[in-house]
Amino acid sequence: MAENKTRRMCFNINGLLGGILATVLLLSVLVFLTINAITVQQKNATTYYQLDDASNIQMISTDNAKHYKIVK
């Protein structure tokens, strides 16, 4: 019988190390997106707006952005 001379290591990039690298990469992306989502939420929670003319706001209209102003 012919001997199999290919190297089979558990720390090959296709093996255990590749799985660990993929897990670390996915978790780092998750942490990055979570931190950015929290900061955006905090910034928007402290940004207030004031309605100028609430009686002229229509249900479906692109002009609704003209009816409020951001108050800082």
Protein backbone atom coordinates (compact mmCIF):
# COMPACT_ATOMS: atom_id res chain seq x y z
CA MET A 1 0.00 0.00 0.00
CA ALA A 2 1.16 3.49 -0.78
CA GLU A 3 1.79 5.70 2.19
CA ASN A 4 -0.11 8.97 2.47
CA LYS A 5 2.59 11.62 2.79
CA THR A 6 0.40 14.73 3.01
CA ARG A 7 0.69 16.76 6.17
CA ARG A 8 -2.39 16.76 8.32
CA MET A 9 -2.04 19.19 11.17
CA CYS A 10 -4.83 20.29 13.47
CA PHE A 11 -3.50 23.89 13.32
CA ASN A 12 -3.79 24.10 9.55
CA ILE A 13 -5.63 27.14 8.15
CA ASN A 14 -8.44 24.80 7.02
CA GLY A 15 -8.65 23.13 10.40
CA LEU A 16 -8.85 24.36 13.96
CA LEU A 17 -6.93 27.59 13.39
CA GLY A 18 -9.15 28.53 10.47
CA GLY A 19 -12.26 28.00 12.57
CA ILE A 20 -10.84 30.09 15.40
CA LEU A 21 -9.84 32.87 12.99
CA ALA A 22 -13.29 32.91 11.40
CA THR A 23 -14.95 33.02 14.84
CA VAL A 24 -12.72 35.85 16.04
CA LEU A 25 -13.32 37.79 12.82
CA LEU A 26 -17.10 37.41 13.07
CA LEU A 27 -17.11 38.38 16.76
CA SER A 28 -14.96 41.45 16.08
CA VAL A 29 -17.36 42.57 13.33
CA LEU A 30 -20.26 42.01 15.74
CA VAL A 31 -18.56 44.10 18.45
CA PHE A 32 -17.75 46.88 15.97
CA LEU A 33 -21.32 47.08 14.68
CA THR A 34 -22.78 46.91 18.19
CA ILE A 35 -20.59 49.75 19.45
CA ASN A 36 -21.48 51.88 16.43
CA ALA A 37 -25.19 51.16 16.89
CA ILE A 38 -25.01 52.17 20.55
CA THR A 39 -23.23 55.44 19.79
CA VAL A 40 -25.70 56.32 17.02
CA GLN A 41 -28.59 55.55 19.36
CA GLN A 42 -27.10 57.74 22.10
CA LYS A 43 -26.52 60.65 19.72
CA ASN A 44 -30.06 60.46 18.34
CA ALA A 45 -31.59 60.14 21.80
CA THR A 46 -30.14 63.52 22.78
CA THR A 47 -31.05 65.29 19.53
CA TYR A 48 -34.43 66.97 19.87
CA TYR A 49 -36.58 68.45 17.17
CA GLN A 50 -39.42 70.95 17.10
CA LEU A 51 -42.44 70.85 14.82
CA ASP A 52 -43.15 74.16 13.12
CA ASP A 53 -46.48 73.56 11.43
CA ALA A 54 -48.01 70.29 12.61
CA SER A 55 -51.35 70.91 10.91
CA ASN A 56 -49.87 70.84 7.40
CA ILE A 57 -48.07 67.51 7.75
CA GLN A 58 -49.42 64.99 5.26
CA MET A 59 -49.39 61.25 5.66
CA ILE A 60 -47.38 60.51 2.50
CA SER A 61 -45.29 63.44 1.37
CA THR A 62 -41.67 64.22 0.68
CA ASP A 63 -42.16 67.76 1.99
CA ASN A 64 -42.60 66.61 5.60
CA ALA A 65 -38.92 67.27 6.32
CA LYS A 66 -39.61 71.00 6.02
CA HIS A 67 -41.95 70.96 9.02
CA TYR A 68 -39.40 70.29 11.77
CA LYS A 69 -36.18 71.84 13.00
CA ILE A 70 -33.45 70.23 15.05
CA VAL A 71 -33.02 71.91 18.45
CA LYS A 72 -29.64 71.54 20.12
